[in-house]
Amino acid sequence: MVRMFSAAQVLSRQDVEEKVLTIVRNFDRTNLSRLSINSQFTSDLGLDSLDVVEVMIAMEEQFHMEIPDAIADKIKSPGEVVDYVYKKLNPDEDEAGASSSQHH
């Protein structure tokens, strides 16, 4: 079976997490002493809304994907970026989780 997206990078969740934290760490306005996967961009890391937009653009460039504004506006931490990116890179895993959560 040939997958149409076979040229895309295969990244583990840990790989995605490391890349996300590196991007945030390298952003010059980040309060590094409070950086963790669960840090809030604004309250913990001291980023303003324009800083967060720049971080999101860097994420899009790193992972070669678009993060729609409606989703980017809801992302408040590096962990939420990891969740979104990992699910986009691994849609088969996301489908399994989504289908089980849709049954009420």
C-alpha atoms as a PDB file:
ATOM      1  CA  MET A   1       0.000   0.000   0.000  1.00  0.00           C
ATOM      2  CA  VAL A   2       1.403   3.389  -0.992  1.00  0.00           C
ATOM      3  CA  ARG A   3       0.408   6.301   1.223  1.00  0.00           C
ATOM      4  CA  MET A   4      -0.008   9.701  -0.398  1.00  0.00           C
ATOM      5  CA  PHE A   5       1.766  11.417   2.490  1.00  0.00           C
ATOM      6  CA  SER A   6       4.710   9.013   2.627  1.00  0.00           C
ATOM      7  CA  ALA A   7       7.154  11.886   2.153  1.00  0.00           C
ATOM      8  CA  ALA A   8       6.065  13.396   5.475  1.00  0.00           C
ATOM      9  CA  GLN A   9       8.337  12.975   8.455  1.00  0.00           C
ATOM     10  CA  VAL A  10       7.478  10.218  10.886  1.00  0.00           C
ATOM     11  CA  LEU A  11       7.796  11.706  14.350  1.00  0.00           C
ATOM     12  CA  SER A  12       7.052  10.139  17.694  1.00  0.00           C
ATOM     13  CA  ARG A  13       5.138  12.133  20.272  1.00  0.00           C
ATOM     14  CA  GLN A  14       8.435  12.657  22.120  1.00  0.00           C
ATOM     15  CA  ASP A  15      10.050  13.999  18.920  1.00  0.00           C
ATOM     16  CA  VAL A  16       7.195  16.475  18.490  1.00  0.00           C
ATOM     17  CA  GLU A  17       7.437  17.515  22.148  1.00  0.00           C
ATOM     18  CA  GLU A  18      11.189  18.120  21.884  1.00  0.00           C
ATOM     19  CA  LYS A  19      10.804  20.206  18.720  1.00  0.00           C
ATOM     20  CA  VAL A  20       7.959  22.272  20.216  1.00  0.00           C
ATOM     21  CA  LEU A  21       9.910  22.989  23.410  1.00  0.00           C
ATOM     22  CA  THR A  22      13.003  23.903  21.382  1.00  0.00           C
ATOM     23  CA  ILE A  23      11.014  26.436  19.357  1.00  0.00           C
ATOM     24  CA  VAL A  24       9.549  28.000  22.500  1.00  0.00           C
ATOM     25  CA  ARG A  25      12.947  27.919  24.256  1.00  0.00           C
ATOM     26  CA  ASN A  26      14.582  29.717  21.313  1.00  0.00           C
ATOM     27  CA  PHE A  27      11.956  32.477  21.224  1.00  0.00           C
ATOM     28  CA  ASP A  28      13.760  35.439  22.783  1.00  0.00           C
ATOM     29  CA  ARG A  29      10.895  36.608  24.992  1.00  0.00           C
ATOM     30  CA  THR A  30      10.269  33.253  26.700  1.00  0.00           C
ATOM     31  CA  ASN A  31      10.676  33.137  30.475  1.00  0.00           C
ATOM     32  CA  LEU A  32      12.899  30.030  30.423  1.00  0.00           C
ATOM     33  CA  SER A  33      12.739  29.480  34.182  1.00  0.00           C
ATOM     34  CA  ARG A  34       9.030  28.622  33.855  1.00  0.00           C
ATOM     35  CA  LEU A  35       9.190  26.615  30.618  1.00  0.00           C
ATOM     36  CA  SER A  36       7.598  23.171  30.691  1.00  0.00           C
ATOM     37  CA  ILE A  37       5.265  21.251  28.422  1.00  0.00           C
ATOM     38  CA  ASN A  38       2.311  22.523  30.493  1.00  0.00           C
ATOM     39  CA  SER A  39       3.391  26.181  30.762  1.00  0.00           C
ATOM     40  CA  GLN A  40       0.811  28.707  29.629  1.00  0.00           C
ATOM     41  CA  PHE A  41       2.234  30.929  26.894  1.00  0.00           C
ATOM     42  CA  THR A  42       0.986  34.179  28.396  1.00  0.00           C
ATOM     43  CA  SER A  43       0.728  33.735  32.168  1.00  0.00           C
ATOM     44  CA  ASP A  44       3.759  31.461  32.682  1.00  0.00           C
ATOM     45  CA  LEU A  45       6.091  32.307  29.813  1.00  0.00           C
ATOM     46  CA  GLY A  46       5.369  36.037  29.582  1.00  0.00           C
ATOM     47  CA  LEU A  47       4.418  36.047  25.906  1.00  0.00           C
ATOM     48  CA  ASP A  48       1.868  38.504  24.557  1.00  0.00           C
ATOM     49  CA  SER A  49      -0.635  37.689  21.803  1.00  0.00           C
ATOM     50  CA  LEU A  50       1.715  38.783  19.008  1.00  0.00           C
ATOM     51  CA  ASP A  51       4.504  36.647  20.476  1.00  0.00           C
ATOM     52  CA  VAL A  52       2.168  33.648  20.498  1.00  0.00           C
ATOM     53  CA  VAL A  53       1.318  34.283  16.827  1.00  0.00           C
ATOM     54  CA  GLU A  54       5.046  34.275  16.017  1.00  0.00           C
ATOM     55  CA  VAL A  55       5.504  31.033  17.943  1.00  0.00           C
ATOM     56  CA  MET A  56       2.603  29.454  16.026  1.00  0.00           C
ATOM     57  CA  ILE A  57       4.140  30.524  12.708  1.00  0.00           C
ATOM     58  CA  ALA A  58       7.422  28.919  13.768  1.00  0.00           C
ATOM     59  CA  MET A  59       5.502  25.717  14.593  1.00  0.00           C
ATOM     60  CA  GLU A  60       3.874  25.732  11.163  1.00  0.00           C
ATOM     61  CA  GLU A  61       7.258  26.134   9.503  1.00  0.00           C
ATOM     62  CA  GLN A  62       8.891  23.438  11.648  1.00  0.00           C
ATOM     63  CA  PHE A  63       6.181  20.857  11.007  1.00  0.00           C
ATOM     64  CA  HIS A  64       5.270  21.911   7.431  1.00  0.00           C
ATOM     65  CA  MET A  65       1.597  22.353   8.209  1.00  0.00           C
ATOM     66  CA  GLU A  66      -0.958  25.074   8.622  1.00  0.00           C
ATOM     67  CA  ILE A  67      -2.532  25.607  12.022  1.00  0.00           C
ATOM     68  CA  PRO A  68      -5.848  27.361  11.310  1.00  0.00           C
ATOM     69  CA  ASP A  69      -6.351  30.618  13.200  1.00  0.00           C
ATOM     70  CA  ALA A  70      -9.459  29.269  14.934  1.00  0.00           C
ATOM     71  CA  ILE A  71      -7.370  26.447  16.397  1.00  0.00           C
ATOM     72  CA  ALA A  72      -4.226  28.496  17.028  1.00  0.00           C
ATOM     73  CA  ASP A  73      -6.310  30.977  19.060  1.00  0.00           C
ATOM     74  CA  LYS A  74      -7.317  28.146  21.420  1.00  0.00           C
ATOM     75  CA  ILE A  75      -3.809  26.759  21.902  1.00  0.00           C
ATOM     76  CA  LYS A  76      -2.477  28.053  25.222  1.00  0.00           C
ATOM     77  CA  SER A  77       0.544  25.837  25.990  1.00  0.00           C
ATOM     78  CA  PRO A  78       3.349  23.865  24.351  1.00  0.00           C
ATOM     79  CA  GLY A  79       1.503  20.671  25.326  1.00  0.00           C
ATOM     80  CA  GLU A  80      -1.549  21.747  23.339  1.00  0.00           C
ATOM     81  CA  VAL A  81       0.691  22.376  20.323  1.00  0.00           C
ATOM     82  CA  VAL A  82       2.128  18.870  20.724  1.00  0.00           C
ATOM     83  CA  ASP A  83      -1.378  17.380  20.895  1.00  0.00           C
ATOM     84  CA  TYR A  84      -2.494  19.170  17.734  1.00  0.00           C
ATOM     85  CA  VAL A  85       0.654  18.505  15.698  1.00  0.00           C
ATOM     86  CA  TYR A  86       0.925  14.867  16.725  1.00  0.00           C
ATOM     87  CA  LYS A  87      -2.717  14.206  15.816  1.00  0.00           C
ATOM     88  CA  LYS A  88      -2.252  15.897  12.435  1.00  0.00           C
ATOM     89  CA  LEU A  89       0.863  13.806  11.736  1.00  0.00           C
ATOM     90  CA  ASN A  90      -0.817  10.590  12.908  1.00  0.00           C
ATOM     91  CA  PRO A  91      -4.433  10.799  11.736  1.00  0.00           C
ATOM     92  CA  ASP A  92      -4.967   7.039  12.001  1.00  0.00           C
ATOM     93  CA  GLU A  93      -4.318   7.141  15.747  1.00  0.00           C
ATOM     94  CA  ASP A  94      -6.588  10.178  16.109  1.00  0.00           C
ATOM     95  CA  GLU A  95      -9.463   8.404  14.333  1.00  0.00           C
ATOM     96  CA  ALA A  96      -9.366   5.519  16.801  1.00  0.00           C
ATOM     97  CA  GLY A  97      -9.522   7.904  19.750  1.00  0.00           C
ATOM     98  CA  ALA A  98     -12.188  10.085  18.169  1.00  0.00           C
ATOM     99  CA  SER A  99     -14.478   7.209  17.230  1.00  0.00           C
ATOM    100  CA  SER A 100     -14.423   5.791  20.755  1.00  0.00           C
ATOM    101  CA  SER A 101     -15.179   9.181  22.304  1.00  0.00           C
ATOM    102  CA  GLN A 102     -18.129   9.831  19.993  1.00  0.00           C
ATOM    103  CA  HIS A 103     -20.193   7.013  21.486  1.00  0.00           C
ATOM    104  CA  HIS A 104     -22.202   8.478  24.351  1.00  0.00           C
END
